[in-house]
Amino acid sequence: MEDDLGQELAANLRGEVRFDMASRAVYAGSALAVRQLPLGVVLPWDGDDTVRAFELCRARGVPIVSRGAGTSLEGQTSIAAVVIDFSKHMNAIHALDPASGSTRCATAPSRTGSPSAPTP
């Protein structure tokens, strides 16, 4: 099932899709002693990638764990899920509205170019 999902995500996303053992092992760690390999890892290129990844996983009933800026490191990956890591491509705050009293913010890709362009 993981291979099929990985192939479907890779075919439909512009960002990175990593379902190889080494990538999964990197994301298996958390603050808990338990290490559970995620089903795979997605590094979305933009908001559209994020929506597509969520839709594809939801259609298969596959759980999702979001990561970025040190979040989801306290055991959330102790379930079989797809990790969505926003820290590589979507790592800049685009807009904040403190006047509204809301804690929501929008993120946007922090670089220009295309997903095929080399990234640091």
PDB file of N, CA and C in Angstrom:
ATOM      1  N   MET A   1       0.822  -1.198   0.000  1.00  0.00           N
ATOM      2  CA  MET A   1       0.000   0.000   0.000  1.00  0.00           C
ATOM      3  C   MET A   1       0.861   1.256   0.000  1.00  0.00           C
ATOM      4  N   GLU A   2       1.969   1.237   0.791  1.00  0.00           N
ATOM      5  CA  GLU A   2       2.819   2.418   0.861  1.00  0.00           C
ATOM      6  C   GLU A   2       3.412   2.755  -0.494  1.00  0.00           C
ATOM      7  N   ASP A   3       3.843   1.708  -1.252  1.00  0.00           N
ATOM      8  CA  ASP A   3       4.453   1.956  -2.557  1.00  0.00           C
ATOM      9  C   ASP A   3       3.461   2.610  -3.504  1.00  0.00           C
ATOM     10  N   ASP A   4       2.210   2.106  -3.500  1.00  0.00           N
ATOM     11  CA  ASP A   4       1.185   2.700  -4.359  1.00  0.00           C
ATOM     12  C   ASP A   4       0.914   4.147  -3.976  1.00  0.00           C
ATOM     13  N   LEU A   5       0.805   4.409  -2.688  1.00  0.00           N
ATOM     14  CA  LEU A   5       0.545   5.772  -2.219  1.00  0.00           C
ATOM     15  C   LEU A   5       1.720   6.673  -2.571  1.00  0.00           C
ATOM     16  N   GLY A   6       2.933   6.210  -2.356  1.00  0.00           N
ATOM     17  CA  GLY A   6       4.111   6.993  -2.695  1.00  0.00           C
ATOM     18  C   GLY A   6       4.155   7.342  -4.171  1.00  0.00           C
ATOM     19  N   GLN A   7       3.840   6.382  -5.025  1.00  0.00           N
ATOM     20  CA  GLN A   7       3.827   6.630  -6.469  1.00  0.00           C
ATOM     21  C   GLN A   7       2.731   7.626  -6.845  1.00  0.00           C
ATOM     22  N   GLU A   8       1.563   7.489  -6.221  1.00  0.00           N
ATOM     23  CA  GLU A   8       0.461   8.413  -6.525  1.00  0.00           C
ATOM     24  C   GLU A   8       0.790   9.833  -6.064  1.00  0.00           C
ATOM     25  N   LEU A   9       1.382   9.949  -4.876  1.00  0.00           N
ATOM     26  CA  LEU A   9       1.779  11.276  -4.397  1.00  0.00           C
ATOM     27  C   LEU A   9       2.844  11.881  -5.307  1.00  0.00           C
ATOM     28  N   ALA A  10       3.842  11.098  -5.683  1.00  0.00           N
ATOM     29  CA  ALA A  10       4.917  11.594  -6.546  1.00  0.00           C
ATOM     30  C   ALA A  10       4.381  12.043  -7.902  1.00  0.00           C
ATOM     31  N   ALA A  11       3.379  11.357  -8.408  1.00  0.00           N
ATOM     32  CA  ALA A  11       2.808  11.702  -9.705  1.00  0.00           C
ATOM     33  C   ALA A  11       1.946  12.962  -9.649  1.00  0.00           C
ATOM     34  N   ASN A  12       1.477  13.326  -8.459  1.00  0.00           N
ATOM     35  CA  ASN A  12       0.531  14.435  -8.333  1.00  0.00           C
ATOM     36  C   ASN A  12       1.060  15.661  -7.600  1.00  0.00           C
ATOM     37  N   LEU A  13       2.282  15.585  -7.081  1.00  0.00           N
ATOM     38  CA  LEU A  13       2.841  16.707  -6.324  1.00  0.00           C
ATOM     39  C   LEU A  13       4.084  17.249  -7.011  1.00  0.00           C
ATOM     40  N   ARG A  14       4.331  18.533  -6.808  1.00  0.00           N
ATOM     41  CA  ARG A  14       5.552  19.150  -7.328  1.00  0.00           C
ATOM     42  C   ARG A  14       6.696  19.058  -6.322  1.00  0.00           C
ATOM     43  N   GLY A  15       6.381  18.925  -5.055  1.00  0.00           N
ATOM     44  CA  GLY A  15       7.398  18.824  -4.015  1.00  0.00           C
ATOM     45  C   GLY A  15       8.007  17.431  -3.956  1.00  0.00           C
ATOM     46  N   GLU A  16       8.720  17.189  -2.891  1.00  0.00           N
ATOM     47  CA  GLU A  16       9.430  15.921  -2.734  1.00  0.00           C
ATOM     48  C   GLU A  16       8.561  14.883  -2.041  1.00  0.00           C
ATOM     49  N   VAL A  17       8.652  13.663  -2.526  1.00  0.00           N
ATOM     50  CA  VAL A  17       7.951  12.527  -1.926  1.00  0.00           C
ATOM     51  C   VAL A  17       9.018  11.480  -1.640  1.00  0.00           C
ATOM     52  N   ARG A  18       9.149  11.121  -0.366  1.00  0.00           N
ATOM     53  CA  ARG A  18      10.204  10.199   0.064  1.00  0.00           C
ATOM     54  C   ARG A  18       9.588   9.006   0.792  1.00  0.00           C
ATOM     55  N   PHE A  19       9.586   7.882   0.143  1.00  0.00           N
ATOM     56  CA  PHE A  19       9.070   6.662   0.756  1.00  0.00           C
ATOM     57  C   PHE A  19      10.176   5.623   0.917  1.00  0.00           C
ATOM     58  N   ASP A  20      11.432   6.029   0.726  1.00  0.00           N
ATOM     59  CA  ASP A  20      12.559   5.118   0.886  1.00  0.00           C
ATOM     60  C   ASP A  20      12.842   4.899   2.381  1.00  0.00           C
ATOM     61  N   MET A  21      13.499   3.806   2.693  1.00  0.00           N
ATOM     62  CA  MET A  21      13.741   3.424   4.091  1.00  0.00           C
ATOM     63  C   MET A  21      14.575   4.468   4.836  1.00  0.00           C
ATOM     64  N   ALA A  22      15.605   5.022   4.193  1.00  0.00           N
ATOM     65  CA  ALA A  22      16.466   5.995   4.878  1.00  0.00           C
ATOM     66  C   ALA A  22      15.684   7.242   5.282  1.00  0.00           C
ATOM     67  N   SER A  23      14.868   7.766   4.379  1.00  0.00           N
ATOM     68  CA  SER A  23      14.074   8.960   4.699  1.00  0.00           C
ATOM     69  C   SER A  23      13.066   8.667   5.800  1.00  0.00           C
ATOM     70  N   ARG A  24      12.444   7.519   5.725  1.00  0.00           N
ATOM     71  CA  ARG A  24      11.472   7.144   6.752  1.00  0.00           C
ATOM     72  C   ARG A  24      12.147   7.018   8.108  1.00  0.00           C
ATOM     73  N   ALA A  25      13.362   6.473   8.134  1.00  0.00           N
ATOM     74  CA  ALA A  25      14.084   6.304   9.395  1.00  0.00           C
ATOM     75  C   ALA A  25      14.422   7.649  10.027  1.00  0.00           C
ATOM     76  N   VAL A  26      14.767   8.643   9.205  1.00  0.00           N
ATOM     77  CA  VAL A  26      15.085   9.979   9.720  1.00  0.00           C
ATOM     78  C   VAL A  26      13.888  10.573  10.457  1.00  0.00           C
ATOM     79  N   TYR A  27      12.696  10.332   9.950  1.00  0.00           N
ATOM     80  CA  TYR A  27      11.483  10.911  10.531  1.00  0.00           C
ATOM     81  C   TYR A  27      10.846  10.028  11.598  1.00  0.00           C
ATOM     82  N   ALA A  28      11.473   8.920  11.939  1.00  0.00           N
ATOM     83  CA  ALA A  28      10.911   8.009  12.944  1.00  0.00           C
ATOM     84  C   ALA A  28      11.157   8.496  14.363  1.00  0.00           C
ATOM     85  N   GLY A  29      12.100   9.389  14.554  1.00  0.00           N
ATOM     86  CA  GLY A  29      12.451   9.832  15.897  1.00  0.00           C
ATOM     87  C   GLY A  29      11.502  10.853  16.470  1.00  0.00           C
ATOM     88  N   SER A  30      11.382  10.819  17.777  1.00  0.00           N
ATOM     89  CA  SER A  30      10.612  11.817  18.514  1.00  0.00           C
ATOM     90  C   SER A  30      11.159  11.843  19.932  1.00  0.00           C
ATOM     91  N   ALA A  31      10.507  12.548  20.815  1.00  0.00           N
ATOM     92  CA  ALA A  31      10.953  12.624  22.202  1.00  0.00           C
ATOM     93  C   ALA A  31      10.663  11.335  22.970  1.00  0.00           C
ATOM     94  N   LEU A  32       9.910  10.435  22.373  1.00  0.00           N
ATOM     95  CA  LEU A  32       9.602   9.154  23.012  1.00  0.00           C
ATOM     96  C   LEU A  32      10.685   8.130  22.711  1.00  0.00           C
ATOM     97  N   ALA A  33      10.752   7.112  23.520  1.00  0.00           N
ATOM     98  CA  ALA A  33      11.702   6.027  23.284  1.00  0.00           C
ATOM     99  C   ALA A  33      11.252   5.146  22.124  1.00  0.00           C
ATOM    100  N   VAL A  34       9.972   5.187  21.801  1.00  0.00           N
ATOM    101  CA  VAL A  34       9.408   4.381  20.719  1.00  0.00           C
ATOM    102  C   VAL A  34       9.771   5.008  19.380  1.00  0.00           C
ATOM    103  N   ARG A  35      10.203   4.175  18.458  1.00  0.00           N
ATOM    104  CA  ARG A  35      10.505   4.662  17.106  1.00  0.00           C
ATOM    105  C   ARG A  35       9.595   3.924  16.132  1.00  0.00           C
ATOM    106  N   GLN A  36       8.678   4.649  15.522  1.00  0.00           N
ATOM    107  CA  GLN A  36       7.763   4.080  14.534  1.00  0.00           C
ATOM    108  C   GLN A  36       8.098   4.695  13.182  1.00  0.00           C
ATOM    109  N   LEU A  37       8.403   3.855  12.205  1.00  0.00           N
ATOM    110  CA  LEU A  37       8.669   4.372  10.872  1.00  0.00           C
ATOM    111  C   LEU A  37       7.380   4.934  10.277  1.00  0.00           C
ATOM    112  N   PRO A  38       7.414   6.160   9.773  1.00  0.00           N
ATOM    113  CA  PRO A  38       6.236   6.654   9.062  1.00  0.00           C
ATOM    114  C   PRO A  38       6.078   5.888   7.749  1.00  0.00           C
ATOM    115  N   LEU A  39       4.899   5.956   7.165  1.00  0.00           N
ATOM    116  CA  LEU A  39       4.683   5.304   5.875  1.00  0.00           C
ATOM    117  C   LEU A  39       5.522   5.965   4.791  1.00  0.00           C
ATOM    118  N   GLY A  40       5.706   7.261   4.916  1.00  0.00           N
ATOM    119  CA  GLY A  40       6.480   8.032   3.953  1.00  0.00           C
ATOM    120  C   GLY A  40       6.527   9.477   4.394  1.00  0.00           C
ATOM    121  N   VAL A  41       7.236  10.289   3.616  1.00  0.00           N
ATOM    122  CA  VAL A  41       7.432  11.696   3.938  1.00  0.00           C
ATOM    123  C   VAL A  41       7.138  12.529   2.702  1.00  0.00           C
ATOM    124  N   VAL A  42       6.397  13.614   2.893  1.00  0.00           N
ATOM    125  CA  VAL A  42       6.113  14.562   1.809  1.00  0.00           C
ATOM    126  C   VAL A  42       6.642  15.925   2.223  1.00  0.00           C
ATOM    127  N   LEU A  43       7.385  16.571   1.334  1.00  0.00           N
ATOM    128  CA  LEU A  43       7.852  17.942   1.529  1.00  0.00           C
ATOM    129  C   LEU A  43       7.161  18.789   0.468  1.00  0.00           C
ATOM    130  N   PRO A  44       5.986  19.334   0.795  1.00  0.00           N
ATOM    131  CA  PRO A  44       5.197  20.039  -0.221  1.00  0.00           C
ATOM    132  C   PRO A  44       5.909  21.284  -0.728  1.00  0.00           C
ATOM    133  N   TRP A  45       5.721  21.545  -2.011  1.00  0.00           N
ATOM    134  CA  TRP A  45       6.305  22.722  -2.644  1.00  0.00           C
ATOM    135  C   TRP A  45       5.523  23.983  -2.289  1.00  0.00           C
ATOM    136  N   ASP A  46       4.200  23.832  -2.158  1.00  0.00           N
ATOM    137  CA  ASP A  46       3.347  24.989  -1.899  1.00  0.00           C
ATOM    138  C   ASP A  46       2.020  24.524  -1.305  1.00  0.00           C
ATOM    139  N   GLY A  47       1.102  25.453  -1.145  1.00  0.00           N
ATOM    140  CA  GLY A  47      -0.201  25.134  -0.576  1.00  0.00           C
ATOM    141  C   GLY A  47      -0.990  24.151  -1.412  1.00  0.00           C
ATOM    142  N   ASP A  48      -0.871  24.256  -2.738  1.00  0.00           N
ATOM    143  CA  ASP A  48      -1.578  23.316  -3.607  1.00  0.00           C
ATOM    144  C   ASP A  48      -1.095  21.884  -3.387  1.00  0.00           C
ATOM    145  N   ASP A  49       0.221  21.712  -3.238  1.00  0.00           N
ATOM    146  CA  ASP A  49       0.760  20.391  -2.923  1.00  0.00           C
ATOM    147  C   ASP A  49       0.198  19.872  -1.610  1.00  0.00           C
ATOM    148  N   THR A  50       0.109  20.752  -0.635  1.00  0.00           N
ATOM    149  CA  THR A  50      -0.397  20.355   0.680  1.00  0.00           C
ATOM    150  C   THR A  50      -1.820  19.837   0.566  1.00  0.00           C
ATOM    151  N   VAL A  51      -2.654  20.571  -0.137  1.00  0.00           N
ATOM    152  CA  VAL A  51      -4.056  20.164  -0.309  1.00  0.00           C
ATOM    153  C   VAL A  51      -4.133  18.825  -1.034  1.00  0.00           C
ATOM    154  N   ARG A  52      -3.363  18.671  -2.117  1.00  0.00           N
ATOM    155  CA  ARG A  52      -3.386  17.404  -2.868  1.00  0.00           C
ATOM    156  C   ARG A  52      -2.913  16.233  -1.998  1.00  0.00           C
ATOM    157  N   ALA A  53      -1.857  16.447  -1.222  1.00  0.00           N
ATOM    158  CA  ALA A  53      -1.356  15.379  -0.354  1.00  0.00           C
ATOM    159  C   ALA A  53      -2.419  14.972   0.668  1.00  0.00           C
ATOM    160  N   PHE A  54      -3.069  15.960   1.271  1.00  0.00           N
ATOM    161  CA  PHE A  54      -4.124  15.671   2.249  1.00  0.00           C
ATOM    162  C   PHE A  54      -5.266  14.907   1.582  1.00  0.00           C
ATOM    163  N   GLU A  55      -5.664  15.322   0.387  1.00  0.00           N
ATOM    164  CA  GLU A  55      -6.770  14.663  -0.313  1.00  0.00           C
ATOM    165  C   GLU A  55      -6.437  13.211  -0.655  1.00  0.00           C
ATOM    166  N   LEU A  56      -5.224  12.985  -1.167  1.00  0.00           N
ATOM    167  CA  LEU A  56      -4.833  11.628  -1.547  1.00  0.00           C
ATOM    168  C   LEU A  56      -4.734  10.716  -0.330  1.00  0.00           C
ATOM    169  N   CYS A  57      -4.182  11.215   0.748  1.00  0.00           N
ATOM    170  CA  CYS A  57      -4.092  10.408   1.970  1.00  0.00           C
ATOM    171  C   CYS A  57      -5.471  10.154   2.559  1.00  0.00           C
ATOM    172  N   ARG A  58      -6.306  11.182   2.580  1.00  0.00           N
ATOM    173  CA  ARG A  58      -7.656  11.023   3.127  1.00  0.00           C
ATOM    174  C   ARG A  58      -8.452   9.991   2.324  1.00  0.00           C
ATOM    175  N   ALA A  59      -8.310  10.010   0.994  1.00  0.00           N
ATOM    176  CA  ALA A  59      -9.045   9.067   0.145  1.00  0.00           C
ATOM    177  C   ALA A  59      -8.679   7.622   0.459  1.00  0.00           C
ATOM    178  N   ARG A  60      -7.468   7.397   0.960  1.00  0.00           N
ATOM    179  CA  ARG A  60      -7.018   6.046   1.307  1.00  0.00           C
ATOM    180  C   ARG A  60      -7.156   5.754   2.801  1.00  0.00           C
ATOM    181  N   GLY A  61      -7.618   6.735   3.564  1.00  0.00           N
ATOM    182  CA  GLY A  61      -7.745   6.535   5.007  1.00  0.00           C
ATOM    183  C   GLY A  61      -6.407   6.502   5.729  1.00  0.00           C
ATOM    184  N   VAL A  62      -5.403   7.172   5.161  1.00  0.00           N
ATOM    185  CA  VAL A  62      -4.059   7.170   5.733  1.00  0.00           C
ATOM    186  C   VAL A  62      -3.898   8.396   6.631  1.00  0.00           C
ATOM    187  N   PRO A  63      -3.493   8.210   7.889  1.00  0.00           N
ATOM    188  CA  PRO A  63      -3.282   9.354   8.789  1.00  0.00           C
ATOM    189  C   PRO A  63      -2.130  10.239   8.311  1.00  0.00           C
ATOM    190  N   ILE A  64      -2.172  11.494   8.731  1.00  0.00           N
ATOM    191  CA  ILE A  64      -1.146  12.482   8.393  1.00  0.00           C
ATOM    192  C   ILE A  64      -0.624  13.101   9.679  1.00  0.00           C
ATOM    193  N   VAL A  65       0.679  13.331   9.730  1.00  0.00           N
ATOM    194  CA  VAL A  65       1.298  14.073  10.821  1.00  0.00           C
ATOM    195  C   VAL A  65       2.062  15.230  10.189  1.00  0.00           C
ATOM    196  N   SER A  66       1.762  16.451  10.608  1.00  0.00           N
ATOM    197  CA  SER A  66       2.447  17.631  10.074  1.00  0.00           C
ATOM    198  C   SER A  66       3.663  17.951  10.927  1.00  0.00           C
ATOM    199  N   ARG A  67       4.731  18.349  10.253  1.00  0.00           N
ATOM    200  CA  ARG A  67       5.953  18.772  10.951  1.00  0.00           C
ATOM    201  C   ARG A  67       6.476  20.056  10.340  1.00  0.00           C
ATOM    202  N   GLY A  68       7.120  20.839  11.201  1.00  0.00           N
ATOM    203  CA  GLY A  68       7.762  22.068  10.762  1.00  0.00           C
ATOM    204  C   GLY A  68       8.096  22.905  11.969  1.00  0.00           C
ATOM    205  N   ALA A  69       9.288  23.430  12.028  1.00  0.00           N
ATOM    206  CA  ALA A  69       9.729  24.306  13.123  1.00  0.00           C
ATOM    207  C   ALA A  69       9.683  23.610  14.472  1.00  0.00           C
ATOM    208  N   GLY A  70       9.997  22.324  14.510  1.00  0.00           N
ATOM    209  CA  GLY A  70      10.073  21.607  15.780  1.00  0.00           C
ATOM    210  C   GLY A  70       8.754  21.064  16.282  1.00  0.00           C
ATOM    211  N   THR A  71       7.726  21.024  15.447  1.00  0.00           N
ATOM    212  CA  THR A  71       6.429  20.509  15.882  1.00  0.00           C
ATOM    213  C   THR A  71       6.339  19.005  15.648  1.00  0.00           C
ATOM    214  N   SER A  72       5.432  18.370  16.322  1.00  0.00           N
ATOM    215  CA  SER A  72       5.147  16.934  16.211  1.00  0.00           C
ATOM    216  C   SER A  72       6.364  16.084  16.541  1.00  0.00           C
ATOM    217  N   LEU A  73       7.092  16.480  17.557  1.00  0.00           N
ATOM    218  CA  LEU A  73       8.275  15.727  17.966  1.00  0.00           C
ATOM    219  C   LEU A  73       8.074  15.007  19.289  1.00  0.00           C
ATOM    220  N   GLU A  74       6.861  15.020  19.819  1.00  0.00           N
ATOM    221  CA  GLU A  74       6.618  14.415  21.128  1.00  0.00           C
ATOM    222  C   GLU A  74       5.733  13.189  21.030  1.00  0.00           C
ATOM    223  N   GLY A  75       6.005  12.350  20.041  1.00  0.00           N
ATOM    224  CA  GLY A  75       5.303  11.084  19.954  1.00  0.00           C
ATOM    225  C   GLY A  75       4.239  11.004  18.888  1.00  0.00           C
ATOM    226  N   GLN A  76       3.951  12.103  18.213  1.00  0.00           N
ATOM    227  CA  GLN A  76       2.916  12.062  17.189  1.00  0.00           C
ATOM    228  C   GLN A  76       3.269  11.095  16.059  1.00  0.00           C
ATOM    229  N   THR A  77       4.550  10.869  15.823  1.00  0.00           N
ATOM    230  CA  THR A  77       4.931   9.936  14.772  1.00  0.00           C
ATOM    231  C   THR A  77       5.012   8.507  15.270  1.00  0.00           C
ATOM    232  N   SER A  78       4.433   8.224  16.424  1.00  0.00           N
ATOM    233  CA  SER A  78       4.419   6.855  16.928  1.00  0.00           C
ATOM    234  C   SER A  78       3.257   6.064  16.341  1.00  0.00           C
ATOM    235  N   ILE A  79       2.646   6.582  15.289  1.00  0.00           N
ATOM    236  CA  ILE A  79       1.623   5.860  14.538  1.00  0.00           C
ATOM    237  C   ILE A  79       2.086   5.761  13.091  1.00  0.00           C
ATOM    238  N   ALA A  80       1.563   4.785  12.374  1.00  0.00           N
ATOM    239  CA  ALA A  80       1.874   4.661  10.950  1.00  0.00           C
ATOM    240  C   ALA A  80       1.118   5.758  10.217  1.00  0.00           C
ATOM    241  N   ALA A  81       1.841   6.728   9.691  1.00  0.00           N
ATOM    242  CA  ALA A  81       1.233   7.880   9.026  1.00  0.00           C
ATOM    243  C   ALA A  81       2.189   8.426   7.978  1.00  0.00           C
ATOM    244  N   VAL A  82       1.683   9.304   7.150  1.00  0.00           N
ATOM    245  CA  VAL A  82       2.528  10.062   6.224  1.00  0.00           C
ATOM    246  C   VAL A  82       2.894  11.366   6.922  1.00  0.00           C
ATOM    247  N   VAL A  83       4.174  11.659   6.990  1.00  0.00           N
ATOM    248  CA  VAL A  83       4.649  12.902   7.592  1.00  0.00           C
ATOM    249  C   VAL A  83       4.688  13.971   6.511  1.00  0.00           C
ATOM    250  N   ILE A  84       4.037  15.097   6.761  1.00  0.00           N
ATOM    251  CA  ILE A  84       4.092  16.257   5.873  1.00  0.00           C
ATOM    252  C   ILE A  84       5.035  17.252   6.535  1.00  0.00           C
ATOM    253  N   ASP A  85       6.211  17.450   5.953  1.00  0.00           N
ATOM    254  CA  ASP A  85       7.225  18.329   6.531  1.00  0.00           C
ATOM    255  C   ASP A  85       7.261  19.646   5.759  1.00  0.00           C
ATOM    256  N   PHE A  86       6.852  20.713   6.432  1.00  0.00           N
ATOM    257  CA  PHE A  86       6.780  22.035   5.807  1.00  0.00           C
ATOM    258  C   PHE A  86       8.088  22.815   5.913  1.00  0.00           C
ATOM    259  N   SER A  87       9.081  22.281   6.611  1.00  0.00           N
ATOM    260  CA  SER A  87      10.259  23.077   6.959  1.00  0.00           C
ATOM    261  C   SER A  87      11.213  23.354   5.807  1.00  0.00           C
ATOM    262  N   LYS A  88      11.186  22.578   4.750  1.00  0.00           N
ATOM    263  CA  LYS A  88      12.154  22.791   3.670  1.00  0.00           C
ATOM    264  C   LYS A  88      11.683  23.840   2.666  1.00  0.00           C
ATOM    265  N   HIS A  89      10.517  23.666   2.112  1.00  0.00           N
ATOM    266  CA  HIS A  89      10.056  24.550   1.039  1.00  0.00           C
ATOM    267  C   HIS A  89       9.084  25.622   1.502  1.00  0.00           C
ATOM    268  N   MET A  90       8.370  25.376   2.571  1.00  0.00           N
ATOM    269  CA  MET A  90       7.363  26.332   3.048  1.00  0.00           C
ATOM    270  C   MET A  90       7.772  26.810   4.431  1.00  0.00           C
ATOM    271  N   ASN A  91       8.867  27.570   4.475  1.00  0.00           N
ATOM    272  CA  ASN A  91       9.458  27.897   5.765  1.00  0.00           C
ATOM    273  C   ASN A  91       9.543  29.387   6.052  1.00  0.00           C
ATOM    274  N   ALA A  92       8.660  30.162   5.453  1.00  0.00           N
ATOM    275  CA  ALA A  92       8.643  31.599   5.720  1.00  0.00           C
ATOM    276  C   ALA A  92       7.217  32.049   6.016  1.00  0.00           C
ATOM    277  N   ILE A  93       7.079  32.941   6.963  1.00  0.00           N
ATOM    278  CA  ILE A  93       5.758  33.498   7.254  1.00  0.00           C
ATOM    279  C   ILE A  93       5.445  34.528   6.190  1.00  0.00           C
ATOM    280  N   HIS A  94       4.309  34.370   5.575  1.00  0.00           N
ATOM    281  CA  HIS A  94       3.896  35.265   4.501  1.00  0.00           C
ATOM    282  C   HIS A  94       3.055  36.432   5.027  1.00  0.00           C
ATOM    283  N   ALA A  95       2.195  36.137   5.996  1.00  0.00           N
ATOM    284  CA  ALA A  95       1.315  37.188   6.524  1.00  0.00           C
ATOM    285  C   ALA A  95       0.848  36.839   7.929  1.00  0.00           C
ATOM    286  N   LEU A  96       0.798  37.844   8.771  1.00  0.00           N
ATOM    287  CA  LEU A  96       0.233  37.731  10.112  1.00  0.00           C
ATOM    288  C   LEU A  96      -0.751  38.876  10.296  1.00  0.00           C
ATOM    289  N   ASP A  97      -1.802  38.630  11.069  1.00  0.00           N
ATOM    290  CA  ASP A  97      -2.763  39.686  11.347  1.00  0.00           C
ATOM    291  C   ASP A  97      -3.021  39.744  12.844  1.00  0.00           C
ATOM    292  N   PRO A  98      -2.075  40.316  13.616  1.00  0.00           N
ATOM    293  CA  PRO A  98      -2.259  40.368  15.063  1.00  0.00           C
ATOM    294  C   PRO A  98      -3.449  41.224  15.477  1.00  0.00           C
ATOM    295  N   ALA A  99      -3.864  42.167  14.640  1.00  0.00           N
ATOM    296  CA  ALA A  99      -5.001  43.029  14.978  1.00  0.00           C
ATOM    297  C   ALA A  99      -6.298  42.226  15.111  1.00  0.00           C
ATOM    298  N   SER A 100      -6.398  41.139  14.378  1.00  0.00           N
ATOM    299  CA  SER A 100      -7.626  40.336  14.429  1.00  0.00           C
ATOM    300  C   SER A 100      -7.669  39.446  15.668  1.00  0.00           C
ATOM    301  N   GLY A 101      -6.558  39.328  16.368  1.00  0.00           N
ATOM    302  CA  GLY A 101      -6.513  38.458  17.540  1.00  0.00           C
ATOM    303  C   GLY A 101      -6.363  37.001  17.176  1.00  0.00           C
ATOM    304  N   SER A 102      -6.167  36.721  15.914  1.00  0.00           N
ATOM    305  CA  SER A 102      -6.033  35.353  15.442  1.00  0.00           C
ATOM    306  C   SER A 102      -4.576  34.929  15.479  1.00  0.00           C
ATOM    307  N   THR A 103      -4.362  33.661  15.779  1.00  0.00           N
ATOM    308  CA  THR A 103      -3.003  33.133  15.769  1.00  0.00           C
ATOM    309  C   THR A 103      -2.677  32.462  14.444  1.00  0.00           C
ATOM    310  N   ARG A 104      -3.587  32.516  13.500  1.00  0.00           N
ATOM    311  CA  ARG A 104      -3.353  31.891  12.201  1.00  0.00           C
ATOM    312  C   ARG A 104      -2.389  32.732  11.376  1.00  0.00           C
ATOM    313  N   CYS A 105      -1.570  32.055  10.628  1.00  0.00           N
ATOM    314  CA  CYS A 105      -0.693  32.741   9.683  1.00  0.00           C
ATOM    315  C   CYS A 105      -0.619  31.905   8.423  1.00  0.00           C
ATOM    316  N   ALA A 106      -0.297  32.549   7.335  1.00  0.00           N
ATOM    317  CA  ALA A 106      -0.159  31.846   6.058  1.00  0.00           C
ATOM    318  C   ALA A 106       1.314  31.665   5.766  1.00  0.00           C
ATOM    319  N   THR A 107       1.672  30.513   5.256  1.00  0.00           N
ATOM    320  CA  THR A 107       3.047  30.294   4.849  1.00  0.00           C
ATOM    321  C   THR A 107       3.103  30.241   3.334  1.00  0.00           C
ATOM    322  N   ALA A 108       4.245  30.509   2.817  1.00  0.00           N
ATOM    323  CA  ALA A 108       4.441  30.475   1.374  1.00  0.00           C
ATOM    324  C   ALA A 108       5.843  29.981   1.109  1.00  0.00           C
ATOM    325  N   PRO A 109       6.075  29.435  -0.084  1.00  0.00           N
ATOM    326  CA  PRO A 109       7.433  29.012  -0.400  1.00  0.00           C
ATOM    327  C   PRO A 109       8.407  30.160  -0.196  1.00  0.00           C
ATOM    328  N   SER A 110       9.557  29.843   0.378  1.00  0.00           N
ATOM    329  CA  SER A 110      10.529  30.872   0.750  1.00  0.00           C
ATOM    330  C   SER A 110      11.506  31.185  -0.364  1.00  0.00           C
ATOM    331  N   ARG A 111      11.315  30.604  -1.510  1.00  0.00           N
ATOM    332  CA  ARG A 111      12.265  30.815  -2.590  1.00  0.00           C
ATOM    333  C   ARG A 111      11.514  30.975  -3.902  1.00  0.00           C
ATOM    334  N   THR A 112      12.241  31.385  -4.902  1.00  0.00           N
ATOM    335  CA  THR A 112      11.678  31.485  -6.241  1.00  0.00           C
ATOM    336  C   THR A 112      12.246  30.363  -7.065  1.00  0.00           C
ATOM    337  N   GLY A 113      11.629  30.083  -8.171  1.00  0.00           N
ATOM    338  CA  GLY A 113      12.128  29.031  -9.041  1.00  0.00           C
ATOM    339  C   GLY A 113      11.113  27.926  -9.198  1.00  0.00           C
ATOM    340  N   SER A 114      11.585  26.785  -9.583  1.00  0.00           N
ATOM    341  CA  SER A 114      10.696  25.649  -9.798  1.00  0.00           C
ATOM    342  C   SER A 114      11.140  24.493  -8.914  1.00  0.00           C
ATOM    343  N   PRO A 115      10.251  23.523  -8.706  1.00  0.00           N
ATOM    344  CA  PRO A 115      10.624  22.408  -7.850  1.00  0.00           C
ATOM    345  C   PRO A 115      11.790  21.594  -8.406  1.00  0.00           C
ATOM    346  N   SER A 116      12.078  21.705  -9.689  1.00  0.00           N
ATOM    347  CA  SER A 116      13.199  20.956 -10.241  1.00  0.00           C
ATOM    348  C   SER A 116      14.529  21.676 -10.049  1.00  0.00           C
ATOM    349  N   ALA A 117      14.455  22.942  -9.618  1.00  0.00           N
ATOM    350  CA  ALA A 117      15.677  23.702  -9.384  1.00  0.00           C
ATOM    351  C   ALA A 117      16.376  23.180  -8.130  1.00  0.00           C
ATOM    352  N   PRO A 118      17.700  23.175  -8.118  1.00  0.00           N
ATOM    353  CA  PRO A 118      18.393  22.702  -6.917  1.00  0.00           C
ATOM    354  C   PRO A 118      18.064  23.576  -5.708  1.00  0.00           C
ATOM    355  N   THR A 119      17.933  22.934  -4.555  1.00  0.00           N
ATOM    356  CA  THR A 119      17.682  23.663  -3.316  1.00  0.00           C
ATOM    357  C   THR A 119      18.816  23.413  -2.368  1.00  0.00           C
ATOM    358  N   PRO A 120      19.123  24.389  -1.519  1.00  0.00           N
ATOM    359  CA  PRO A 120      20.233  24.202  -0.586  1.00  0.00           C
ATOM    360  C   PRO A 120      19.971  23.129   0.434  1.00  0.00           C
TER     361      PRO A 120
END
